[in-house]
C-alpha atoms as a PDB file:
ATOM      1  CA  MET A   1     146.580  30.813 148.152  1.00  0.00           C
ATOM      2  CA  ASP A   2     147.377  33.056 151.099  1.00  0.00           C
ATOM      3  CA  ASP A   3     145.027  36.039 150.661  1.00  0.00           C
ATOM      4  CA  SER A   4     147.554  38.450 152.185  1.00  0.00           C
ATOM      5  CA  ARG A   5     149.978  37.739 149.325  1.00  0.00           C
ATOM      6  CA  ARG A   6     147.308  38.106 146.637  1.00  0.00           C
ATOM      7  CA  HIS A   7     146.022  41.552 147.571  1.00  0.00           C
ATOM      8  CA  PRO A   8     148.222  44.539 148.327  1.00  0.00           C
ATOM      9  CA  ARG A   9     148.086  45.942 151.807  1.00  0.00           C
ATOM     10  CA  THR A  10     149.017  49.477 152.666  1.00  0.00           C
ATOM     11  CA  ARG A  11     150.014  50.731 156.068  1.00  0.00           C
ATOM     12  CA  PRO A  12     151.407  54.000 157.332  1.00  0.00           C
ATOM     13  CA  ALA A  13     155.096  53.764 158.072  1.00  0.00           C
ATOM     14  CA  THR A  14     157.292  56.002 160.192  1.00  0.00           C
ATOM     15  CA  GLU A  15     157.132  59.427 158.619  1.00  0.00           C
ATOM     16  CA  PRO A  16     159.650  62.253 158.806  1.00  0.00           C
ATOM     17  CA  ALA A  17     158.025  65.697 158.976  1.00  0.00           C
ATOM     18  CA  GLN A  18     156.046  66.579 155.842  1.00  0.00           C
ATOM     19  CA  VAL A  19     156.833  63.305 153.992  1.00  0.00           C
ATOM     20  CA  ARG A  20     154.016  60.761 153.831  1.00  0.00           C
ATOM     21  CA  VAL A  21     155.202  57.148 153.664  1.00  0.00           C
ATOM     22  CA  VAL A  22     152.952  54.290 152.552  1.00  0.00           C
ATOM     23  CA  ALA A  23     154.264  50.728 152.744  1.00  0.00           C
ATOM     24  CA  VAL A  24     152.683  48.201 150.362  1.00  0.00           C
ATOM     25  CA  ARG A  25     153.057  44.433 150.465  1.00  0.00           C
ATOM     26  CA  GLY A  26     151.657  41.524 148.500  1.00  0.00           C
ATOM     27  CA  GLU A  27     150.843  41.383 144.814  1.00  0.00           C
ATOM     28  CA  ILE A  28     149.617  44.288 142.723  1.00  0.00           C
ATOM     29  CA  ASP A  29     147.625  42.888 139.812  1.00  0.00           C
ATOM     30  CA  ALA A  30     144.866  44.429 137.664  1.00  0.00           C
ATOM     31  CA  ALA A  31     142.163  43.877 140.290  1.00  0.00           C
ATOM     32  CA  SER A  32     144.110  45.010 143.327  1.00  0.00           C
ATOM     33  CA  ALA A  33     145.644  48.023 141.566  1.00  0.00           C
ATOM     34  CA  VAL A  34     142.233  49.720 141.641  1.00  0.00           C
ATOM     35  CA  ARG A  35     142.037  49.407 145.415  1.00  0.00           C
ATOM     36  CA  LEU A  36     145.637  50.553 145.799  1.00  0.00           C
ATOM     37  CA  GLY A  37     144.914  53.618 143.683  1.00  0.00           C
ATOM     38  CA  GLU A  38     141.880  54.470 145.791  1.00  0.00           C
ATOM     39  CA  GLU A  39     143.903  54.176 148.993  1.00  0.00           C
ATOM     40  CA  LEU A  40     146.748  56.315 147.665  1.00  0.00           C
ATOM     41  CA  LEU A  41     144.413  58.970 146.268  1.00  0.00           C
ATOM     42  CA  GLY A  42     142.616  58.990 149.615  1.00  0.00           C
ATOM     43  CA  LEU A  43     145.711  60.264 151.429  1.00  0.00           C
ATOM     44  CA  PRO A  44     145.177  63.681 152.969  1.00  0.00           C
ATOM     45  CA  PRO A  45     146.685  66.532 150.955  1.00  0.00           C
ATOM     46  CA  GLY A  46     150.171  67.439 152.012  1.00  0.00           C
ATOM     47  CA  GLY A  47     153.820  67.035 151.187  1.00  0.00           C
ATOM     48  CA  PRO A  48     155.560  64.494 149.020  1.00  0.00           C
ATOM     49  CA  VAL A  49     154.707  60.789 149.129  1.00  0.00           C
ATOM     50  CA  VAL A  50     157.035  57.801 149.438  1.00  0.00           C
ATOM     51  CA  VAL A  51     155.537  54.486 148.333  1.00  0.00           C
ATOM     52  CA  ASP A  52     157.534  51.581 149.761  1.00  0.00           C
ATOM     53  CA  LEU A  53     157.250  48.565 147.417  1.00  0.00           C
ATOM     54  CA  ARG A  54     160.037  46.450 148.928  1.00  0.00           C
ATOM     55  CA  GLU A  55     157.520  43.794 150.058  1.00  0.00           C
ATOM     56  CA  VAL A  56     155.681  43.610 146.725  1.00  0.00           C
ATOM     57  CA  GLY A  57     156.246  40.284 144.971  1.00  0.00           C
ATOM     58  CA  HIS A  58     154.410  41.114 141.731  1.00  0.00           C
ATOM     59  CA  LEU A  59     153.748  44.494 140.116  1.00  0.00           C
ATOM     60  CA  SER A  60     151.511  44.511 137.033  1.00  0.00           C
ATOM     61  CA  ALA A  61     151.173  47.180 134.344  1.00  0.00           C
ATOM     62  CA  ALA A  62     147.993  48.308 136.126  1.00  0.00           C
ATOM     63  CA  GLY A  63     150.033  48.970 139.260  1.00  0.00           C
ATOM     64  CA  VAL A  64     152.549  50.989 137.249  1.00  0.00           C
ATOM     65  CA  ARG A  65     149.684  53.090 135.831  1.00  0.00           C
ATOM     66  CA  VAL A  66     148.427  53.806 139.363  1.00  0.00           C
ATOM     67  CA  LEU A  67     151.870  55.027 140.418  1.00  0.00           C
ATOM     68  CA  ARG A  68     152.239  57.132 137.262  1.00  0.00           C
ATOM     69  CA  GLY A  69     148.853  58.711 137.966  1.00  0.00           C
ATOM     70  CA  LEU A  70     149.875  59.593 141.498  1.00  0.00           C
ATOM     71  CA  ALA A  71     153.185  61.018 140.269  1.00  0.00           C
ATOM     72  CA  GLY A  72     151.267  63.393 138.018  1.00  0.00           C
ATOM     73  CA  GLY A  73     149.649  64.979 141.047  1.00  0.00           C
ATOM     74  CA  GLY A  74     152.817  65.884 142.917  1.00  0.00           C
ATOM     75  CA  ARG A  75     156.141  64.639 144.167  1.00  0.00           C
ATOM     76  CA  LEU A  76     156.470  60.880 144.438  1.00  0.00           C
ATOM     77  CA  ALA A  77     159.378  58.646 145.368  1.00  0.00           C
ATOM     78  CA  VAL A  78     159.251  54.876 145.231  1.00  0.00           C
ATOM     79  CA  VAL A  79     161.319  52.482 147.314  1.00  0.00           C
ATOM     80  CA  VAL A  80     161.830  49.316 145.289  1.00  0.00           C
ATOM     81  CA  GLY A  81     162.649  45.707 145.975  1.00  0.00           C
ATOM     82  CA  PRO A  82     163.861  43.344 143.247  1.00  0.00           C
ATOM     83  CA  ALA A  83     160.457  42.622 141.655  1.00  0.00           C
ATOM     84  CA  ALA A  84     159.266  46.229 141.532  1.00  0.00           C
ATOM     85  CA  ALA A  85     162.664  47.532 140.388  1.00  0.00           C
ATOM     86  CA  LEU A  86     162.689  45.352 137.266  1.00  0.00           C
ATOM     87  CA  VAL A  87     159.143  46.275 136.271  1.00  0.00           C
ATOM     88  CA  LEU A  88     159.461  50.002 136.962  1.00  0.00           C
ATOM     89  CA  ARG A  89     162.764  50.353 135.150  1.00  0.00           C
ATOM     90  CA  ALA A  90     161.441  48.418 132.144  1.00  0.00           C
ATOM     91  CA  ALA A  91     158.315  50.614 132.108  1.00  0.00           C
ATOM     92  CA  GLY A  92     160.336  53.831 132.289  1.00  0.00           C
ATOM     93  CA  GLY A  93     159.226  54.621 135.825  1.00  0.00           C
ATOM     94  CA  HIS A  94     162.625  56.098 136.620  1.00  0.00           C
ATOM     95  CA  ASP A  95     161.742  58.922 134.194  1.00  0.00           C
ATOM     96  CA  VAL A  96     158.498  59.720 136.062  1.00  0.00           C
ATOM     97  CA  PHE A  97     159.416  59.428 139.735  1.00  0.00           C
ATOM     98  CA  ASP A  98     162.479  58.862 141.883  1.00  0.00           C
ATOM     99  CA  LEU A  99     163.406  55.225 142.544  1.00  0.00           C
ATOM    100  CA  HIS A 100     165.307  54.385 145.726  1.00  0.00           C
ATOM    101  CA  LEU A 101     166.652  51.208 147.303  1.00  0.00           C
ATOM    102  CA  SER A 102     166.040  52.332 150.887  1.00  0.00           C
ATOM    103  CA  LEU A 103     163.365  54.242 152.758  1.00  0.00           C
ATOM    104  CA  GLU A 104     166.039  56.457 154.268  1.00  0.00           C
ATOM    105  CA  ASP A 105     167.297  57.547 150.832  1.00  0.00           C
ATOM    106  CA  ALA A 106     163.774  58.235 149.625  1.00  0.00           C
ATOM    107  CA  THR A 107     162.812  60.388 152.591  1.00  0.00           C
ATOM    108  CA  ARG A 108     166.163  62.184 152.547  1.00  0.00           C
ATOM    109  CA  SER A 109     165.658  63.113 148.885  1.00  0.00           C
ATOM    110  CA  TRP A 110     163.390  65.978 150.057  1.00  0.00           C
ATOM    111  CA  SER A 111     165.683  67.325 152.761  1.00  0.00           C
END
């Protein structure tokens, strides 16, 4: 199996002033959710965070818990693709953080 699809990868994306954007791709399962959580918690303190999950093919319950934990610490918006949207809506994620279909909408939500 292609290792890049099995483990989530984060990378900084273009960021409007004060909004931190983290793009994630691959699969977020129980094992990789721990690493994702560490990377997200390791972000420098600052303004709201946008997590872009459009390139995530699988999002496990462990991944949802990581996002919920981050949402508890401040403002969080999530950009969803088809796979993440189904899981987050079923898990009630839309009650915890803002879900968006585009990065532009997510970053604009704090304007």
